[in-house]
Amino acid sequence: MRHAWQSVTGSLEADELPRDTALREVKEEVGLDAAPAQLQDWGIVNEWEIYEVWRHRYAPGVLRNTEHVFGLLVPARFEPVLSEREHVQYQWRDWHAAAEAVFSPSNAEALRLLPEMAEKFAIGLATQGNA
């Protein structure tokens, strides 16, 4: 799929825990060394059918994906170092605009949960919290 906007995502590697996957994917996709303390497990797990356009990235016969949702607090905007294999550009957006722009329905739902999760984890979002 070309020209789709989404948050950082990724797949578990052998013997990897979901938290470790999230930290690794943030590093690989945007070049950020995120401290485990900054990463919040939202306790949300989604399962969905893998879109046909993405199935080539999975083992033969794998049709469903399990997605673990995390939030990452970054203290300020930063200049991402993008993985050329996965991204061609980035854009900071407020969470409303981000939720409307993403391709994945589960990405959109997670973005819409930002204010609730910020409150749950006692994180102050700016008036126009960014995603």
Protein backbone atom coordinates (compact mmCIF):
# COMPACT_ATOMS: atom_id res chain seq x y z
CA MET A 1 0.00 0.00 0.00
CA ARG A 2 1.48 3.32 -1.00
CA HIS A 3 0.76 6.67 0.57
CA ALA A 4 -0.75 5.30 3.76
CA TRP A 5 -0.14 7.13 7.04
CA GLN A 6 0.13 5.21 10.29
CA SER A 7 1.88 5.07 13.61
CA VAL A 8 4.87 2.84 14.32
CA THR A 9 3.96 -0.84 13.97
CA GLY A 10 5.82 -4.12 13.73
CA SER A 11 5.99 -7.86 14.25
CA LEU A 12 7.35 -10.00 17.04
CA GLU A 13 10.67 -11.68 16.38
CA ALA A 14 11.56 -15.09 17.83
CA ASP A 15 11.27 -15.20 21.65
CA GLU A 16 10.53 -11.47 21.79
CA LEU A 17 8.00 -9.98 24.20
CA PRO A 18 5.52 -7.39 22.86
CA ARG A 19 7.16 -4.59 24.93
CA ASP A 20 10.57 -5.44 23.47
CA THR A 21 9.07 -5.46 19.98
CA ALA A 22 7.58 -2.00 20.52
CA LEU A 23 10.91 -0.59 21.70
CA ARG A 24 12.79 -2.20 18.79
CA GLU A 25 10.28 -0.97 16.21
CA VAL A 26 10.44 2.62 17.48
CA LYS A 27 14.23 2.47 17.12
CA GLU A 28 14.08 0.86 13.66
CA GLU A 29 11.33 3.03 12.19
CA VAL A 30 12.05 6.49 13.63
CA GLY A 31 15.53 6.18 15.15
CA LEU A 32 14.43 6.86 18.72
CA ASP A 33 15.95 5.02 21.67
CA ALA A 34 12.88 4.93 23.88
CA ALA A 35 13.39 4.14 27.55
CA PRO A 36 11.12 1.33 28.77
CA ALA A 37 9.71 3.77 31.36
CA GLN A 38 8.39 6.00 28.55
CA LEU A 39 6.51 3.12 26.94
CA GLN A 40 3.08 2.37 28.39
CA ASP A 41 1.31 -0.92 27.76
CA TRP A 42 -2.32 0.09 27.26
CA GLY A 43 -3.55 -3.44 27.92
CA ILE A 44 -5.34 -3.57 24.56
CA VAL A 45 -4.96 -6.53 22.24
CA ASN A 46 -6.64 -6.55 18.83
CA GLU A 47 -6.87 -9.47 16.45
CA TRP A 48 -7.67 -8.90 12.82
CA GLU A 49 -7.39 -10.42 9.37
CA ILE A 50 -4.25 -9.31 7.56
CA TYR A 51 -5.08 -7.25 4.50
CA GLU A 52 -4.16 -9.15 1.35
CA VAL A 53 -1.79 -6.37 0.24
CA TRP A 54 0.38 -7.04 3.36
CA ARG A 55 0.29 -10.87 3.46
CA HIS A 56 3.62 -11.18 1.62
CA ARG A 57 5.28 -9.90 4.84
CA TYR A 58 4.07 -12.93 6.80
CA ALA A 59 4.79 -16.65 6.70
CA PRO A 60 2.75 -18.59 4.13
CA GLY A 61 -0.76 -19.32 5.39
CA VAL A 62 -0.73 -16.65 8.12
CA LEU A 63 -3.99 -14.74 7.72
CA ARG A 64 -4.59 -13.19 11.15
CA ASN A 65 -2.54 -10.79 13.25
CA THR A 66 -2.54 -10.06 16.97
CA GLU A 67 -1.76 -6.44 17.79
CA HIS A 68 -0.63 -5.16 21.21
CA VAL A 69 -1.22 -1.45 21.77
CA PHE A 70 1.38 0.76 23.47
CA GLY A 71 1.73 4.48 23.97
CA LEU A 72 5.07 6.25 23.97
CA LEU A 73 5.59 9.56 25.74
CA VAL A 74 8.12 11.76 23.98
CA PRO A 75 8.92 14.98 25.83
CA ALA A 76 9.03 17.10 22.67
CA ARG A 77 8.87 16.84 18.92
CA PHE A 78 12.02 15.40 17.46
CA GLU A 79 13.45 14.88 13.99
CA PRO A 80 12.87 11.19 13.22
CA VAL A 81 15.49 9.16 11.38
CA LEU A 82 13.18 7.18 9.12
CA SER A 83 13.69 3.63 7.97
CA GLU A 84 13.88 3.96 4.18
CA ARG A 85 12.49 0.44 3.90
CA GLU A 86 9.29 1.43 5.70
CA HIS A 87 8.72 5.19 5.47
CA VAL A 88 9.20 7.97 2.96
CA GLN A 89 8.20 10.91 5.17
CA TYR A 90 6.78 11.84 8.53
CA GLN A 91 4.36 14.41 9.79
CA TRP A 92 3.49 15.55 13.31
CA ARG A 93 -0.30 15.79 13.67
CA ASP A 94 -2.63 16.41 16.55
CA TRP A 95 -4.37 13.21 17.62
CA HIS A 96 -7.69 14.18 15.97
CA ALA A 97 -6.06 14.64 12.56
CA ALA A 98 -3.89 11.56 13.04
CA ALA A 99 -6.92 9.38 13.81
CA GLU A 100 -8.62 10.60 10.64
CA ALA A 101 -5.52 10.04 8.50
CA VAL A 102 -4.47 6.50 9.38
CA PHE A 103 -5.21 3.55 7.13
CA SER A 104 -5.74 1.04 9.94
CA PRO A 105 -9.00 1.12 11.94
CA SER A 106 -7.18 -0.16 15.04
CA ASN A 107 -4.58 2.63 14.68
CA ALA A 108 -7.42 5.15 14.51
CA GLU A 109 -9.07 3.73 17.62
CA ALA A 110 -5.78 3.82 19.56
CA LEU A 111 -5.24 7.45 18.57
CA ARG A 112 -8.75 8.34 19.72
CA LEU A 113 -7.90 6.81 23.10
CA LEU A 114 -4.92 9.15 23.65
CA PRO A 115 -6.71 11.58 26.02
CA GLU A 116 -8.11 8.72 28.11
CA MET A 117 -4.77 6.91 28.27
CA ALA A 118 -2.91 10.12 29.08
CA GLU A 119 -5.21 10.57 32.05
CA LYS A 120 -4.86 6.91 33.05
CA PHE A 121 -1.08 7.14 33.04
CA ALA A 122 -1.10 10.67 34.53
CA ILE A 123 0.53 12.22 31.48
CA GLY A 124 -0.30 15.80 30.63
CA LEU A 125 -1.13 16.22 26.95
CA ALA A 126 -0.94 19.66 25.48
CA THR A 127 -4.27 21.10 24.37
CA GLN A 128 -3.60 19.65 20.94
CA GLY A 129 -1.73 16.51 22.00
CA ASN A 130 0.42 15.25 19.16
CA ALA A 131 0.71 11.78 17.74
